[in-house]
Amino acid sequence: MLAAVANKFHLLNDGLAMILVFIGGKMVLIDVYKIPLLFSLGAVVGILALTTLLDLRTAQVEPKG
């Protein structure tokens, strides 16, 4: 069942890649500047929400039956 749902979200992999890049950048910059926790959480949630909304908006209508 999860495999069928995962195929509908084709931008999810790109969103997860963006999150990993953000977290990696945060780890690199930790000695220079500490990014606030709420900003980090907002960025992660925002990226996931944006990719999900774009997937739902661009989803092709499947024929019934």
C-alpha atoms as a PDB file:
ATOM      1  CA  MET A   1       0.000   0.000   0.000  1.00  0.00           C
ATOM      2  CA  LEU A   2       2.846   2.413   0.803  1.00  0.00           C
ATOM      3  CA  ALA A   3       4.526   1.697  -2.534  1.00  0.00           C
ATOM      4  CA  ALA A   4       1.381   2.788  -4.380  1.00  0.00           C
ATOM      5  CA  VAL A   5       1.257   6.040  -2.416  1.00  0.00           C
ATOM      6  CA  ALA A   6       4.987   6.672  -2.839  1.00  0.00           C
ATOM      7  CA  ASN A   7       4.617   6.568  -6.632  1.00  0.00           C
ATOM      8  CA  LYS A   8       2.116   9.435  -6.491  1.00  0.00           C
ATOM      9  CA  PHE A   9       4.629  11.744  -4.792  1.00  0.00           C
ATOM     10  CA  HIS A  10       7.343  12.040  -7.428  1.00  0.00           C
ATOM     11  CA  LEU A  11       8.748  15.276  -5.954  1.00  0.00           C
ATOM     12  CA  LEU A  12       9.186  13.783  -2.489  1.00  0.00           C
ATOM     13  CA  ASN A  13      12.711  12.570  -3.283  1.00  0.00           C
ATOM     14  CA  ASP A  14      13.695  16.086  -4.360  1.00  0.00           C
ATOM     15  CA  GLY A  15      12.203  17.525  -1.176  1.00  0.00           C
ATOM     16  CA  LEU A  16      14.084  15.058   0.978  1.00  0.00           C
ATOM     17  CA  ALA A  17      17.287  15.903  -0.878  1.00  0.00           C
ATOM     18  CA  MET A  18      16.722  19.622  -0.172  1.00  0.00           C
ATOM     19  CA  ILE A  19      16.184  18.824   3.510  1.00  0.00           C
ATOM     20  CA  LEU A  20      19.427  16.833   3.637  1.00  0.00           C
ATOM     21  CA  VAL A  21      21.306  19.715   1.985  1.00  0.00           C
ATOM     22  CA  PHE A  22      19.818  22.158   4.510  1.00  0.00           C
ATOM     23  CA  ILE A  23      20.760  19.953   7.467  1.00  0.00           C
ATOM     24  CA  GLY A  24      24.256  19.419   6.054  1.00  0.00           C
ATOM     25  CA  GLY A  25      24.707  23.161   5.628  1.00  0.00           C
ATOM     26  CA  LYS A  26      23.482  23.712   9.148  1.00  0.00           C
ATOM     27  CA  MET A  27      26.056  21.236  10.459  1.00  0.00           C
ATOM     28  CA  VAL A  28      28.852  22.915   8.493  1.00  0.00           C
ATOM     29  CA  LEU A  29      27.905  26.384   9.777  1.00  0.00           C
ATOM     30  CA  ILE A  30      27.369  25.406  13.424  1.00  0.00           C
ATOM     31  CA  ASP A  31      30.684  26.945  14.550  1.00  0.00           C
ATOM     32  CA  VAL A  32      30.095  30.125  12.558  1.00  0.00           C
ATOM     33  CA  TYR A  33      26.380  30.706  13.126  1.00  0.00           C
ATOM     34  CA  LYS A  34      23.832  28.702  15.053  1.00  0.00           C
ATOM     35  CA  ILE A  35      20.580  28.487  13.091  1.00  0.00           C
ATOM     36  CA  PRO A  36      17.597  28.709  15.475  1.00  0.00           C
ATOM     37  CA  LEU A  37      15.648  25.518  16.100  1.00  0.00           C
ATOM     38  CA  LEU A  38      12.288  26.974  15.083  1.00  0.00           C
ATOM     39  CA  PHE A  39      13.737  28.171  11.772  1.00  0.00           C
ATOM     40  CA  SER A  40      15.127  24.697  11.103  1.00  0.00           C
ATOM     41  CA  LEU A  41      11.844  23.007  11.912  1.00  0.00           C
ATOM     42  CA  GLY A  42       9.968  25.538   9.812  1.00  0.00           C
ATOM     43  CA  ALA A  43      12.291  24.940   6.871  1.00  0.00           C
ATOM     44  CA  VAL A  44      11.867  21.160   7.074  1.00  0.00           C
ATOM     45  CA  VAL A  45       8.080  21.344   7.420  1.00  0.00           C
ATOM     46  CA  GLY A  46       7.882  23.992   4.711  1.00  0.00           C
ATOM     47  CA  ILE A  47       9.896  21.950   2.234  1.00  0.00           C
ATOM     48  CA  LEU A  48       7.803  18.835   2.899  1.00  0.00           C
ATOM     49  CA  ALA A  49       4.556  20.805   2.629  1.00  0.00           C
ATOM     50  CA  LEU A  50       5.653  22.527  -0.580  1.00  0.00           C
ATOM     51  CA  THR A  51       6.678  19.306  -2.310  1.00  0.00           C
ATOM     52  CA  THR A  52       3.486  17.567  -1.182  1.00  0.00           C
ATOM     53  CA  LEU A  53       1.282  20.417  -2.406  1.00  0.00           C
ATOM     54  CA  LEU A  54       3.111  20.548  -5.730  1.00  0.00           C
ATOM     55  CA  ASP A  55       2.681  16.798  -6.106  1.00  0.00           C
ATOM     56  CA  LEU A  56      -1.031  17.003  -5.374  1.00  0.00           C
ATOM     57  CA  ARG A  57      -1.466  19.964  -7.727  1.00  0.00           C
ATOM     58  CA  THR A  58       0.393  18.348 -10.604  1.00  0.00           C
ATOM     59  CA  ALA A  59      -1.066  14.869 -10.075  1.00  0.00           C
ATOM     60  CA  GLN A  60      -2.523  13.431 -13.218  1.00  0.00           C
ATOM     61  CA  VAL A  61      -6.106  12.310 -12.988  1.00  0.00           C
ATOM     62  CA  GLU A  62      -6.295   8.563 -13.240  1.00  0.00           C
ATOM     63  CA  PRO A  63      -9.220   7.139 -15.211  1.00  0.00           C
ATOM     64  CA  LYS A  64     -11.805   5.352 -13.073  1.00  0.00           C
ATOM     65  CA  GLY A  65     -12.638   1.758 -13.786  1.00  0.00           C
END
